[in-house]
Amino acid sequence: MNIARLILKDLRLQRGFVVPLLATEIGGLWAFLLQVPSAQIPGVAFGLLHGMMLIGDFLICYRTMVAEEKNRALLLIKSLPVSSEEIVQAKFAVNFLVVCANALLLFGLWQGTRAAGWMEFQPALTLPLVIGGLTWHCLNNAFFLAIAWIFDSERAVWMPFPALFALMSVILNFRRLKEALGLGPVTEFLGANPGAVILVVWALILGLFLTSSWVAQRKRVFA
């Protein structure tokens, strides 16, 4: 019951945030597309769409977690008969709800624009692409949430950026890392079994959730 009430509280507080967030993401995507013709670089628009969603993942976490901590709202909640586990569960649940709603709205806009013939966007969305996209963005948001639980709010705002830089470096040098670490068979298996990739990602999300719950129980996060 406490978890449901905490989720509803966050949804009420953030209901006015959805439209500005979508406007920011769509505006940013459109600005990039004006500079990078998607017809000349196939798939670039889809990558930019996910880039805007990544920014959305961070902003959603900031609104529901970091900004609330800075406003001392979480300190008030901690004074109520609510356990740390319930607070963590509610935060992850409401973040995943908002992240998935944001992604589905943008996916719907993407597909609707293609169907209307307004833009020659590629690729056409399929169920595996949608499921994979939702999964990856839940992972992004779970990472941001875990950072927000582990560090205080001032540090949490900045911590994702060096982590994202490191991730970009891994992606750019993935071929050399794969050869150096002998990951060829693993990548071939995952490439042939996308369902296994989804399971691995959700295992990572579960690990981030359990880490956040452990920290919330043992650290005076809101003191």
Protein backbone atom coordinates (compact mmCIF):
# COMPACT_ATOMS: atom_id res chain seq x y z
CA MET A 1 0.00 0.00 0.00
CA ASN A 2 2.83 2.42 0.86
CA ILE A 3 4.54 1.68 -2.47
CA ALA A 4 1.34 2.40 -4.43
CA ARG A 5 0.87 5.69 -2.57
CA LEU A 6 4.47 6.72 -3.19
CA ILE A 7 4.11 5.92 -6.90
CA LEU A 8 0.90 7.94 -7.15
CA LYS A 9 2.56 10.83 -5.31
CA ASP A 10 5.40 10.93 -7.84
CA LEU A 11 3.04 10.60 -10.80
CA ARG A 12 0.98 13.54 -9.55
CA LEU A 13 4.08 15.65 -8.98
CA GLN A 14 5.57 14.87 -12.41
CA ARG A 15 2.43 15.03 -14.58
CA GLY A 16 3.29 18.55 -15.71
CA PHE A 17 6.82 17.47 -16.68
CA VAL A 18 5.86 15.13 -19.55
CA VAL A 19 4.98 17.77 -22.15
CA PRO A 20 8.13 19.93 -21.60
CA LEU A 21 10.26 16.77 -21.69
CA LEU A 22 8.76 15.63 -24.99
CA ALA A 23 9.11 19.12 -26.44
CA THR A 24 12.79 19.20 -25.44
CA GLU A 25 13.50 15.77 -26.94
CA ILE A 26 11.62 16.44 -30.18
CA GLY A 27 13.20 19.88 -30.53
CA GLY A 28 16.68 18.49 -29.93
CA LEU A 29 16.13 15.65 -32.42
CA TRP A 30 14.81 18.05 -35.06
CA ALA A 31 17.77 20.42 -34.56
CA PHE A 32 20.22 17.55 -35.08
CA LEU A 33 18.37 16.26 -38.14
CA LEU A 34 18.56 19.69 -39.76
CA GLN A 35 22.35 19.47 -39.47
CA VAL A 36 22.80 15.77 -40.30
CA PRO A 37 20.73 14.60 -43.30
CA SER A 38 19.41 11.18 -42.34
CA ALA A 39 19.10 10.18 -46.01
CA GLN A 40 22.89 10.43 -46.42
CA ILE A 41 23.68 8.42 -43.29
CA PRO A 42 21.18 5.52 -42.95
CA GLY A 43 20.03 4.95 -39.41
CA VAL A 44 21.40 8.21 -38.02
CA ALA A 45 17.92 9.49 -37.15
CA PHE A 46 17.19 6.37 -35.11
CA GLY A 47 20.45 6.79 -33.22
CA LEU A 48 19.64 10.44 -32.54
CA LEU A 49 16.17 9.44 -31.32
CA HIS A 50 17.74 7.15 -28.73
CA GLY A 51 20.22 9.88 -27.85
CA MET A 52 17.36 12.22 -27.01
CA MET A 53 15.70 9.42 -25.02
CA LEU A 54 18.95 8.98 -23.08
CA ILE A 55 18.79 12.62 -22.06
CA GLY A 56 15.16 12.01 -21.08
CA ASP A 57 16.22 9.05 -18.92
CA PHE A 58 18.57 11.33 -17.00
CA LEU A 59 16.06 14.17 -16.64
CA ILE A 60 13.37 11.79 -15.38
CA CYS A 61 15.73 10.50 -12.69
CA TYR A 62 16.73 14.06 -11.80
CA ARG A 63 13.12 15.16 -11.42
CA THR A 64 11.95 12.19 -9.38
CA MET A 65 15.05 11.64 -7.25
CA VAL A 66 17.78 14.27 -7.12
CA ALA A 67 15.62 17.40 -7.27
CA GLU A 68 13.28 15.91 -4.68
CA GLU A 69 16.19 15.25 -2.36
CA LYS A 70 17.46 18.81 -2.80
CA ASN A 71 13.99 20.10 -1.91
CA ARG A 72 14.06 17.97 1.28
CA ALA A 73 10.90 16.13 0.21
CA LEU A 74 12.60 12.75 0.69
CA LEU A 75 13.69 13.80 4.16
CA LEU A 76 10.02 14.30 5.03
CA ILE A 77 9.11 10.90 3.55
CA LYS A 78 11.84 9.24 5.64
CA SER A 79 10.15 10.61 8.76
CA LEU A 80 6.93 8.76 7.88
CA PRO A 81 6.24 5.06 8.64
CA VAL A 82 7.72 4.01 5.31
CA SER A 83 10.68 1.66 4.96
CA SER A 84 13.76 2.40 2.85
CA GLU A 85 12.99 -0.66 0.71
CA GLU A 86 9.53 0.70 -0.10
CA ILE A 87 10.97 4.08 -1.08
CA VAL A 88 13.50 2.44 -3.42
CA GLN A 89 10.89 0.13 -4.95
CA ALA A 90 8.50 3.04 -5.55
CA LYS A 91 11.25 5.19 -7.10
CA PHE A 92 12.31 2.46 -9.51
CA ALA A 93 8.69 1.65 -10.39
CA VAL A 94 7.66 5.24 -11.12
CA ASN A 95 10.86 5.90 -13.06
CA PHE A 96 10.34 2.85 -15.25
CA LEU A 97 6.70 3.84 -15.83
CA VAL A 98 7.66 7.36 -16.93
CA VAL A 99 10.67 6.18 -18.98
CA CYS A 100 8.56 3.60 -20.83
CA ALA A 101 5.74 6.11 -21.40
CA ASN A 102 8.25 8.63 -22.77
CA ALA A 103 9.84 6.04 -25.07
CA LEU A 104 6.49 4.73 -26.32
CA LEU A 105 5.27 8.25 -27.12
CA LEU A 106 8.43 8.97 -29.12
CA PHE A 107 8.25 5.58 -30.86
CA GLY A 108 4.62 6.34 -31.74
CA LEU A 109 5.63 9.73 -33.14
CA TRP A 110 8.43 8.06 -35.13
CA GLN A 111 6.10 5.46 -36.65
CA GLY A 112 3.32 7.98 -37.26
CA THR A 113 5.70 10.32 -39.09
CA ARG A 114 6.85 7.45 -41.30
CA ALA A 115 3.28 6.30 -41.99
CA ALA A 116 2.19 9.85 -42.94
CA GLY A 117 5.13 10.14 -45.35
CA TRP A 118 6.43 13.32 -43.72
CA MET A 119 9.96 11.93 -43.25
CA GLU A 120 11.81 8.94 -44.71
CA PHE A 121 12.83 7.59 -41.32
CA GLN A 122 14.48 4.19 -41.12
CA PRO A 123 13.99 1.61 -39.78
CA ALA A 124 10.34 0.75 -39.44
CA LEU A 125 9.60 -0.19 -35.85
CA THR A 126 9.11 -3.83 -35.00
CA LEU A 127 8.14 -5.42 -31.69
CA PRO A 128 11.73 -6.63 -30.99
CA LEU A 129 13.05 -3.09 -31.62
CA VAL A 130 10.49 -1.60 -29.25
CA ILE A 131 11.12 -4.19 -26.53
CA GLY A 132 14.88 -3.79 -26.90
CA GLY A 133 14.60 0.00 -26.79
CA LEU A 134 12.46 -0.03 -23.65
CA THR A 135 14.88 -2.45 -21.99
CA TRP A 136 17.96 -0.36 -22.73
CA HIS A 137 16.34 2.84 -21.55
CA CYS A 138 15.22 1.17 -18.34
CA LEU A 139 18.86 0.15 -17.86
CA ASN A 140 20.02 3.74 -18.45
CA ASN A 141 17.52 5.07 -15.95
CA ALA A 142 18.35 2.34 -13.41
CA PHE A 143 22.03 3.32 -13.65
CA PHE A 144 21.18 6.99 -13.04
CA LEU A 145 18.97 6.01 -10.09
CA ALA A 146 21.68 3.85 -8.54
CA ILE A 147 24.15 6.73 -8.83
CA ALA A 148 21.61 9.03 -7.15
CA TRP A 149 21.18 6.58 -4.25
CA ILE A 150 24.90 5.93 -3.78
CA PHE A 151 26.05 9.57 -3.92
CA ASP A 152 24.54 12.75 -2.53
CA SER A 153 22.51 14.88 -4.92
CA GLU A 154 25.30 17.35 -5.73
CA ARG A 155 27.61 14.56 -6.89
CA ALA A 156 24.85 12.48 -8.47
CA VAL A 157 24.21 15.17 -11.08
CA TRP A 158 27.77 14.89 -12.40
CA MET A 159 28.65 11.22 -11.93
CA PRO A 160 26.83 9.84 -15.03
CA PHE A 161 28.86 11.96 -17.45
CA PRO A 162 32.30 10.34 -16.91
CA ALA A 163 30.56 6.96 -16.87
CA LEU A 164 28.92 7.72 -20.22
CA PHE A 165 32.28 8.89 -21.60
CA ALA A 166 33.81 5.56 -20.53
CA LEU A 167 30.90 3.69 -22.17
CA MET A 168 31.39 5.62 -25.42
CA SER A 169 35.09 4.74 -25.34
CA VAL A 170 34.22 1.05 -24.92
CA ILE A 171 31.80 1.22 -27.85
CA LEU A 172 34.33 2.96 -30.11
CA ASN A 173 37.08 0.46 -29.20
CA PHE A 174 34.84 -2.58 -28.87
CA ARG A 175 36.48 -4.53 -31.69
CA ARG A 176 39.93 -4.25 -30.12
CA LEU A 177 38.57 -5.04 -26.66
CA LYS A 178 36.75 -8.07 -28.01
CA GLU A 179 39.94 -9.42 -29.55
CA ALA A 180 42.07 -8.63 -26.48
CA LEU A 181 39.64 -10.28 -24.04
CA GLY A 182 38.68 -13.18 -26.30
CA LEU A 183 34.99 -12.26 -26.30
CA GLY A 184 34.32 -13.39 -29.86
CA PRO A 185 32.26 -16.50 -28.98
CA VAL A 186 30.24 -14.55 -26.39
CA THR A 187 29.38 -11.73 -28.80
CA GLU A 188 28.48 -14.24 -31.53
CA PHE A 189 26.14 -16.08 -29.14
CA LEU A 190 24.48 -12.86 -27.97
CA GLY A 191 24.16 -11.63 -31.55
CA ALA A 192 22.36 -14.84 -32.52
CA ASN A 193 20.20 -14.82 -29.38
CA PRO A 194 18.73 -11.35 -28.73
CA GLY A 195 16.52 -12.82 -26.00
CA ALA A 196 19.66 -13.64 -24.04
CA VAL A 197 20.77 -10.00 -24.35
CA ILE A 198 17.44 -8.87 -22.87
CA LEU A 199 17.90 -11.27 -19.94
CA VAL A 200 21.45 -10.03 -19.33
CA VAL A 201 20.29 -6.41 -19.34
CA TRP A 202 17.46 -7.12 -16.89
CA ALA A 203 19.94 -8.97 -14.67
CA LEU A 204 22.03 -5.77 -14.63
CA ILE A 205 18.91 -3.74 -13.80
CA LEU A 206 18.13 -6.11 -10.93
CA GLY A 207 21.68 -5.70 -9.67
CA LEU A 208 21.37 -1.91 -9.74
CA PHE A 209 18.05 -2.13 -7.89
CA LEU A 210 19.45 -4.43 -5.19
CA THR A 211 22.52 -2.21 -4.81
CA SER A 212 20.28 0.85 -4.38
CA SER A 213 18.15 -0.96 -1.81
CA TRP A 214 21.24 -2.06 0.13
CA VAL A 215 22.65 1.49 0.15
CA ALA A 216 19.32 3.02 1.22
CA GLN A 217 19.17 0.69 4.21
CA ARG A 218 22.72 1.28 5.41
CA LYS A 219 23.61 4.82 4.46
CA ARG A 220 22.20 8.06 5.81
CA VAL A 221 21.45 9.25 2.28
CA PHE A 222 19.13 12.07 3.32
CA ALA A 223 20.91 13.34 6.43
